[in-house]
Amino acid sequence: MDAWEDLLSAFTYLEVQVAEVMDRVEELMGTFGLSSYDAVHVATGEYAGARTLVTTDAGFASVPETRLTIYTNASRVGPCRRMRGHR
């Protein structure tokens, strides 16, 4: 547990309870077809003012670029671009 505390102390972070973003989750699931877990991630990012996500999950590409910037590894760029309508 000390290692985890050491890691957390190296970064600025915001602890968000799921109840704080629950009202957005259903809308994100319905609008963008996200799973509940993914919708919680997007809602939490929006709540915290973080519009960037580092992920290997191409499913986040269903959220428009104007709402979420995605950084992913090279193998997932193609699927993300296709989901967002890019070539």
C-alpha atoms as a PDB file:
ATOM      1  CA  MET A   1       0.000   0.000   0.000  1.00  0.00           C
ATOM      2  CA  ASP A   2       2.920   2.359   0.600  1.00  0.00           C
ATOM      3  CA  ALA A   3       3.938   2.072  -3.054  1.00  0.00           C
ATOM      4  CA  TRP A   4       0.416   3.054  -4.142  1.00  0.00           C
ATOM      5  CA  GLU A   5       0.453   6.070  -1.818  1.00  0.00           C
ATOM      6  CA  ASP A   6       3.885   7.056  -3.132  1.00  0.00           C
ATOM      7  CA  LEU A   7       2.606   6.852  -6.697  1.00  0.00           C
ATOM      8  CA  LEU A   8      -0.485   8.926  -5.945  1.00  0.00           C
ATOM      9  CA  SER A   9       1.574  11.568  -4.175  1.00  0.00           C
ATOM     10  CA  ALA A  10       3.574  12.099  -7.377  1.00  0.00           C
ATOM     11  CA  PHE A  11       0.485  13.316  -9.291  1.00  0.00           C
ATOM     12  CA  THR A  12      -2.312  15.795  -8.904  1.00  0.00           C
ATOM     13  CA  TYR A  13      -5.583  13.884  -9.017  1.00  0.00           C
ATOM     14  CA  LEU A  14      -9.254  14.237  -8.247  1.00  0.00           C
ATOM     15  CA  GLU A  15     -11.173  11.494  -6.488  1.00  0.00           C
ATOM     16  CA  VAL A  16     -14.706  11.250  -7.926  1.00  0.00           C
ATOM     17  CA  GLN A  17     -17.439   9.038  -6.519  1.00  0.00           C
ATOM     18  CA  VAL A  18     -19.655   7.276  -9.078  1.00  0.00           C
ATOM     19  CA  ALA A  19     -22.716   8.894  -7.489  1.00  0.00           C
ATOM     20  CA  GLU A  20     -21.328  12.278  -8.562  1.00  0.00           C
ATOM     21  CA  VAL A  21     -21.553  11.357 -12.263  1.00  0.00           C
ATOM     22  CA  MET A  22     -24.395   8.824 -12.318  1.00  0.00           C
ATOM     23  CA  ASP A  23     -26.884  11.263 -13.839  1.00  0.00           C
ATOM     24  CA  ARG A  24     -24.722  11.474 -17.003  1.00  0.00           C
ATOM     25  CA  VAL A  25     -24.033   7.758 -17.400  1.00  0.00           C
ATOM     26  CA  GLU A  26     -27.412   6.704 -18.823  1.00  0.00           C
ATOM     27  CA  GLU A  27     -27.384   9.549 -21.342  1.00  0.00           C
ATOM     28  CA  LEU A  28     -23.862   8.673 -22.524  1.00  0.00           C
ATOM     29  CA  MET A  29     -24.804   5.010 -22.851  1.00  0.00           C
ATOM     30  CA  GLY A  30     -27.875   5.832 -24.935  1.00  0.00           C
ATOM     31  CA  THR A  31     -26.311   8.552 -27.051  1.00  0.00           C
ATOM     32  CA  PHE A  32     -22.994   6.905 -27.863  1.00  0.00           C
ATOM     33  CA  GLY A  33     -23.638   3.202 -27.223  1.00  0.00           C
ATOM     34  CA  LEU A  34     -21.067   3.028 -24.439  1.00  0.00           C
ATOM     35  CA  SER A  35     -21.006   0.268 -21.843  1.00  0.00           C
ATOM     36  CA  SER A  36     -21.777   1.385 -18.309  1.00  0.00           C
ATOM     37  CA  TYR A  37     -18.083   1.213 -17.377  1.00  0.00           C
ATOM     38  CA  ASP A  38     -17.021   3.300 -20.370  1.00  0.00           C
ATOM     39  CA  ALA A  39     -19.821   5.798 -19.763  1.00  0.00           C
ATOM     40  CA  VAL A  40     -18.607   6.226 -16.172  1.00  0.00           C
ATOM     41  CA  HIS A  41     -15.104   6.971 -17.490  1.00  0.00           C
ATOM     42  CA  VAL A  42     -16.383   9.593 -19.955  1.00  0.00           C
ATOM     43  CA  ALA A  43     -18.740  11.151 -17.399  1.00  0.00           C
ATOM     44  CA  THR A  44     -15.932  11.326 -14.851  1.00  0.00           C
ATOM     45  CA  GLY A  45     -13.633  12.987 -17.370  1.00  0.00           C
ATOM     46  CA  GLU A  46     -16.303  15.539 -18.248  1.00  0.00           C
ATOM     47  CA  TYR A  47     -16.979  16.172 -14.554  1.00  0.00           C
ATOM     48  CA  ALA A  48     -13.289  16.785 -13.918  1.00  0.00           C
ATOM     49  CA  GLY A  49     -12.805  18.886 -17.034  1.00  0.00           C
ATOM     50  CA  ALA A  50     -10.514  16.281 -18.603  1.00  0.00           C
ATOM     51  CA  ARG A  51     -11.304  15.893 -22.290  1.00  0.00           C
ATOM     52  CA  THR A  52      -8.418  13.547 -23.101  1.00  0.00           C
ATOM     53  CA  LEU A  53      -8.231   9.784 -22.617  1.00  0.00           C
ATOM     54  CA  VAL A  54      -5.334   7.385 -23.107  1.00  0.00           C
ATOM     55  CA  THR A  55      -6.812   3.991 -23.968  1.00  0.00           C
ATOM     56  CA  THR A  56      -6.586   0.887 -26.120  1.00  0.00           C
ATOM     57  CA  ASP A  57     -10.410   0.652 -26.229  1.00  0.00           C
ATOM     58  CA  ALA A  58     -11.592   1.819 -29.658  1.00  0.00           C
ATOM     59  CA  GLY A  59     -15.165   1.956 -28.323  1.00  0.00           C
ATOM     60  CA  PHE A  60     -14.447   5.395 -26.892  1.00  0.00           C
ATOM     61  CA  ALA A  61     -14.226   6.654 -30.489  1.00  0.00           C
ATOM     62  CA  SER A  62     -18.035   6.689 -30.576  1.00  0.00           C
ATOM     63  CA  VAL A  63     -17.783   9.875 -28.496  1.00  0.00           C
ATOM     64  CA  PRO A  64     -17.247  12.831 -30.875  1.00  0.00           C
ATOM     65  CA  GLU A  65     -13.822  14.468 -31.088  1.00  0.00           C
ATOM     66  CA  THR A  66     -15.339  17.716 -29.852  1.00  0.00           C
ATOM     67  CA  ARG A  67     -16.066  16.003 -26.526  1.00  0.00           C
ATOM     68  CA  LEU A  68     -13.182  13.548 -26.163  1.00  0.00           C
ATOM     69  CA  THR A  69      -9.643  13.360 -27.537  1.00  0.00           C
ATOM     70  CA  ILE A  70      -8.267   9.825 -27.641  1.00  0.00           C
ATOM     71  CA  TYR A  71      -4.634   8.773 -27.521  1.00  0.00           C
ATOM     72  CA  THR A  72      -4.128   5.125 -28.357  1.00  0.00           C
ATOM     73  CA  ASN A  73      -1.495   2.735 -29.638  1.00  0.00           C
ATOM     74  CA  ALA A  74      -0.808   2.341 -33.349  1.00  0.00           C
ATOM     75  CA  SER A  75      -2.851  -0.854 -33.685  1.00  0.00           C
ATOM     76  CA  ARG A  76      -6.034   0.920 -32.510  1.00  0.00           C
ATOM     77  CA  VAL A  77      -5.735   4.125 -34.575  1.00  0.00           C
ATOM     78  CA  GLY A  78      -7.425   2.593 -37.643  1.00  0.00           C
ATOM     79  CA  PRO A  79     -10.494   1.315 -35.774  1.00  0.00           C
ATOM     80  CA  CYS A  80     -10.823   4.626 -33.915  1.00  0.00           C
ATOM     81  CA  ARG A  81     -10.660   6.620 -37.141  1.00  0.00           C
ATOM     82  CA  ARG A  82     -13.242   4.388 -38.806  1.00  0.00           C
ATOM     83  CA  MET A  83     -15.623   4.825 -35.869  1.00  0.00           C
ATOM     84  CA  ARG A  84     -15.217   8.593 -36.111  1.00  0.00           C
ATOM     85  CA  GLY A  85     -15.689   8.621 -39.871  1.00  0.00           C
ATOM     86  CA  HIS A  86     -12.084   9.379 -40.821  1.00  0.00           C
ATOM     87  CA  ARG A  87     -10.021   7.518 -43.362  1.00  0.00           C
END
